């Protein structure tokens, strides 16, 4: 994981609305309509937040049929643990430097002076 990926992963849970969604889902899976009512947001906005959480691996969604044949989208929390250490940050930044995504400060100054 590089620094950009780590930042995106942490940003997924840094949003207060997404924290609330995770808190609501911590008691068990819920269908989107019920979850939207519980957190007080539109289903469209909830889906946007759930997509970010699902992409980051914090929740998982699946479809089930209700007794009356309606398709329900249910979401649940995927067990996770967030531990940020200086070593994790150092590895992520080092990976970004190796991938050429982050310049060393000296490289940026050299490039600015060359223009």
Protein backbone atom coordinates (compact mmCIF):
# COMPACT_ATOMS: atom_id res chain seq x y z
CA UNK A 1 0.00 0.00 0.00
CA UNK A 2 1.44 3.37 -0.98
CA UNK A 3 0.73 6.73 0.67
CA UNK A 4 -2.09 7.61 -1.74
CA UNK A 5 -3.83 4.27 -1.12
CA UNK A 6 -3.35 4.61 2.63
CA UNK A 7 -4.77 8.15 2.53
CA UNK A 8 -7.83 6.99 0.57
CA UNK A 9 -8.35 4.08 2.95
CA UNK A 10 -8.16 6.32 6.01
CA UNK A 11 -10.34 8.98 4.36
CA UNK A 12 -13.07 6.38 3.93
CA UNK A 13 -13.52 6.21 7.70
CA UNK A 14 -12.53 9.79 8.49
CA UNK A 15 -15.88 11.15 7.30
CA UNK A 16 -18.36 11.62 10.20
CA UNK A 17 -21.30 10.37 8.13
CA UNK A 18 -19.43 7.21 7.18
CA UNK A 19 -18.47 6.70 10.84
CA UNK A 20 -22.15 6.88 11.72
CA UNK A 21 -23.00 4.36 8.98
CA UNK A 22 -20.35 1.98 10.33
CA UNK A 23 -21.67 2.47 13.86
CA UNK A 24 -25.21 1.61 12.72
CA UNK A 25 -24.01 -1.46 10.84
CA UNK A 26 -21.94 -2.66 13.80
CA UNK A 27 -25.08 -4.24 15.27
CA UNK A 28 -25.63 -6.36 12.15
CA UNK A 29 -26.58 -6.24 8.49
CA UNK A 30 -29.29 -3.83 7.37
CA UNK A 31 -31.06 -3.12 4.13
CA UNK A 32 -30.44 0.25 2.54
CA UNK A 33 -33.91 1.71 3.19
CA UNK A 34 -33.74 0.91 6.90
CA UNK A 35 -30.18 2.16 7.17
CA UNK A 36 -31.12 5.41 5.38
CA UNK A 37 -33.90 5.99 7.92
CA UNK A 38 -31.61 5.26 10.86
CA UNK A 39 -28.85 7.62 9.74
CA UNK A 40 -31.26 10.26 8.41
CA UNK A 41 -30.02 10.59 4.83
CA UNK A 42 -31.36 9.94 1.37
CA UNK A 43 -30.75 6.55 -0.17
CA UNK A 44 -28.77 8.20 -2.99
CA UNK A 45 -26.37 9.86 -0.53
CA UNK A 46 -26.19 6.68 1.53
CA UNK A 47 -25.28 4.64 -1.57
CA UNK A 48 -22.47 7.10 -2.31
CA UNK A 49 -21.04 6.66 1.19
CA UNK A 50 -21.55 2.88 1.11
CA UNK A 51 -19.70 2.69 -2.22
CA UNK A 52 -16.68 4.43 -0.68
CA UNK A 53 -16.78 2.16 2.36
CA UNK A 54 -17.18 -0.94 0.21
CA UNK A 55 -14.33 0.08 -2.09
CA UNK A 56 -12.08 0.53 0.95
CA UNK A 57 -13.12 -2.88 2.31
CA UNK A 58 -15.01 -1.70 5.40
CA UNK A 59 -18.45 -2.99 4.35
CA UNK A 60 -19.84 -5.64 2.03
CA UNK A 61 -23.18 -5.62 0.25
CA UNK A 62 -25.33 -8.37 -1.18
CA UNK A 63 -28.84 -8.83 -2.53
CA UNK A 64 -31.63 -10.86 -0.96
CA UNK A 65 -35.25 -11.36 -1.95
CA UNK A 66 -37.90 -10.26 0.53
CA UNK A 67 -40.96 -12.42 1.25
CA UNK A 68 -42.94 -10.43 -1.32
CA UNK A 69 -40.26 -10.92 -4.01
CA UNK A 70 -38.58 -7.52 -3.84
CA UNK A 71 -34.81 -7.40 -4.17
CA UNK A 72 -33.22 -5.88 -1.08
CA UNK A 73 -29.64 -4.66 -0.93
CA UNK A 74 -28.15 -5.46 2.45
CA UNK A 75 -24.88 -4.20 3.85
CA UNK A 76 -22.78 -5.38 6.75
CA UNK A 77 -19.50 -4.38 8.34
CA UNK A 78 -16.46 -6.40 7.35
CA UNK A 79 -14.29 -6.95 10.44
CA UNK A 80 -11.40 -4.51 10.38
CA UNK A 81 -8.84 -2.92 12.61
CA UNK A 82 -7.24 0.44 11.93
CA UNK A 83 -3.77 0.85 13.41
CA UNK A 84 -1.64 3.67 12.07
CA UNK A 85 1.97 3.55 13.16
CA UNK A 86 5.01 5.58 12.14
CA UNK A 87 6.36 2.43 10.47
CA UNK A 88 3.18 2.05 8.39
CA UNK A 89 3.41 5.67 7.26
CA UNK A 90 7.10 5.27 6.41
CA UNK A 91 6.41 2.14 4.33
CA UNK A 92 3.55 3.84 2.48
CA UNK A 93 5.63 6.91 1.65
CA UNK A 94 8.60 4.76 0.62
CA UNK A 95 6.34 2.78 -1.72
CA UNK A 96 5.03 6.01 -3.25
CA UNK A 97 8.60 7.26 -3.80
CA UNK A 98 9.53 3.94 -5.44
CA UNK A 99 6.44 4.20 -7.65
CA UNK A 100 7.40 7.77 -8.62
CA UNK A 101 4.23 9.22 -7.11
CA UNK A 102 6.02 11.41 -4.56
CA UNK A 103 9.06 13.54 -5.27
CA UNK A 104 11.77 14.12 -2.74
CA UNK A 105 11.76 17.74 -1.55
CA UNK A 106 15.19 18.30 -3.13
CA UNK A 107 13.96 16.93 -6.47
CA UNK A 108 11.01 19.34 -6.44
CA UNK A 109 13.29 22.30 -5.64
CA UNK A 110 15.70 21.26 -8.42
CA UNK A 111 12.82 20.99 -10.88
CA UNK A 112 11.48 24.42 -9.86
CA UNK A 113 14.92 26.01 -10.29
CA UNK A 114 15.35 24.42 -13.72
CA UNK A 115 12.24 26.09 -15.16
